[in-house]
């Protein structure tokens, strides 16, 4: 059997990992040696929320491709948004369990 002239994949992976950690260490050292007069970091920019979303939380659901397509088709047929249909469904769950329809 012929030997790989570049060495084994295991050795190549170890060399890459060592090079990456050495680069991270060099970056860490250069950051810690920076002068103390650096300006404070600015906070991340916050985008304004739509007024219709104020005080509301996001709920995510994963649907099959068929269910997603069907939801889109119903929304298009009824000329409404998918969110309206989802809220209708959530309210139906609340009603079925004896809770108030508040969604």
Protein backbone atom coordinates (compact mmCIF):
# COMPACT_ATOMS: atom_id res chain seq x y z
CA UNK A 1 0.00 0.00 0.00
CA UNK A 2 1.35 3.45 -0.90
CA UNK A 3 1.72 6.01 1.82
CA UNK A 4 0.04 9.38 1.41
CA UNK A 5 2.87 11.91 0.77
CA UNK A 6 1.00 14.58 2.74
CA UNK A 7 0.60 12.40 5.83
CA UNK A 8 -2.57 11.12 7.38
CA UNK A 9 -5.75 13.17 7.63
CA UNK A 10 -5.51 12.87 11.40
CA UNK A 11 -2.10 14.56 11.43
CA UNK A 12 -3.30 17.26 9.01
CA UNK A 13 -6.28 17.96 11.25
CA UNK A 14 -4.04 18.22 14.33
CA UNK A 15 -1.71 20.62 12.52
CA UNK A 16 -4.64 22.83 11.43
CA UNK A 17 -6.05 22.85 14.96
CA UNK A 18 -2.65 23.78 16.41
CA UNK A 19 -2.25 26.58 13.86
CA UNK A 20 -5.73 27.92 14.65
CA UNK A 21 -5.15 27.87 18.40
CA UNK A 22 -1.77 29.59 17.92
CA UNK A 23 -3.48 32.32 15.88
CA UNK A 24 -6.15 32.74 18.56
CA UNK A 25 -3.47 32.95 21.25
CA UNK A 26 -1.58 35.58 19.25
CA UNK A 27 -4.77 37.59 18.83
CA UNK A 28 -5.55 37.30 22.54
CA UNK A 29 -2.08 38.45 23.50
CA UNK A 30 -2.22 41.42 21.11
CA UNK A 31 -5.60 42.45 22.52
CA UNK A 32 -4.41 42.26 26.14
CA UNK A 33 -1.34 44.33 25.30
CA UNK A 34 -3.43 47.15 23.78
CA UNK A 35 -3.19 50.58 25.42
CA UNK A 36 -5.70 51.38 28.14
CA UNK A 37 -6.91 54.55 26.34
CA UNK A 38 -9.25 52.67 23.98
CA UNK A 39 -12.75 54.17 23.82
CA UNK A 40 -15.52 52.10 25.39
CA UNK A 41 -17.34 49.74 23.08
CA UNK A 42 -20.54 51.14 21.62
CA UNK A 43 -23.67 49.07 22.23
CA UNK A 44 -25.09 47.14 19.30
CA UNK A 45 -27.54 49.09 17.18
CA UNK A 46 -31.16 48.30 18.02
CA UNK A 47 -33.73 48.42 15.29
CA UNK A 48 -37.10 49.98 16.05
CA UNK A 49 -39.93 47.53 16.64
CA UNK A 50 -43.11 47.81 14.61
CA UNK A 51 -45.88 49.23 16.74
CA UNK A 52 -47.98 46.14 15.96
CA UNK A 53 -45.34 43.98 17.68
CA UNK A 54 -44.93 46.02 20.86
CA UNK A 55 -45.40 43.87 23.95
CA UNK A 56 -45.58 40.64 21.95
CA UNK A 57 -43.33 37.58 21.88
CA UNK A 58 -42.26 35.35 19.00
CA UNK A 59 -43.42 31.74 18.79
CA UNK A 60 -41.83 29.44 16.24
CA UNK A 61 -43.16 26.19 14.81
CA UNK A 62 -41.59 23.79 12.33
CA UNK A 63 -43.98 22.51 9.68
CA UNK A 64 -43.60 19.93 6.99
CA UNK A 65 -43.27 21.28 3.46
CA UNK A 66 -46.82 20.13 2.67
CA UNK A 67 -48.33 21.81 5.74
CA UNK A 68 -46.45 25.02 5.01
CA UNK A 69 -47.64 25.04 1.40
CA UNK A 70 -51.23 24.35 2.49
CA UNK A 71 -51.11 27.21 5.01
CA UNK A 72 -49.86 29.57 2.28
CA UNK A 73 -52.61 28.42 -0.09
CA UNK A 74 -55.34 29.01 2.51
CA UNK A 75 -53.93 32.46 3.30
CA UNK A 76 -53.87 33.34 -0.41
CA UNK A 77 -57.37 32.00 -1.00
CA UNK A 78 -58.77 33.98 1.94
CA UNK A 79 -56.64 37.05 1.14
CA UNK A 80 -55.15 37.18 4.62
CA UNK A 81 -51.75 36.72 6.23
CA UNK A 82 -50.44 33.43 7.54
CA UNK A 83 -50.08 35.04 10.97
CA UNK A 84 -53.82 35.67 11.11
CA UNK A 85 -54.48 31.98 10.48
CA UNK A 86 -51.93 30.98 13.11
CA UNK A 87 -53.55 33.29 15.67
CA UNK A 88 -56.92 31.80 14.80
CA UNK A 89 -55.50 28.35 15.46
CA UNK A 90 -53.93 29.36 18.77
CA UNK A 91 -57.22 30.90 19.89
CA UNK A 92 -58.97 27.63 18.95
CA UNK A 93 -56.53 25.73 21.18
CA UNK A 94 -57.23 28.14 24.05
CA UNK A 95 -61.00 27.81 23.57
CA UNK A 96 -60.84 24.01 23.44
CA UNK A 97 -59.05 23.99 26.78
CA UNK A 98 -61.44 26.42 28.47
CA UNK A 99 -59.12 29.45 28.33
CA UNK A 100 -59.97 32.90 27.00
CA UNK A 101 -59.22 33.69 23.36
CA UNK A 102 -56.51 36.31 23.93
CA UNK A 103 -54.03 35.71 21.10
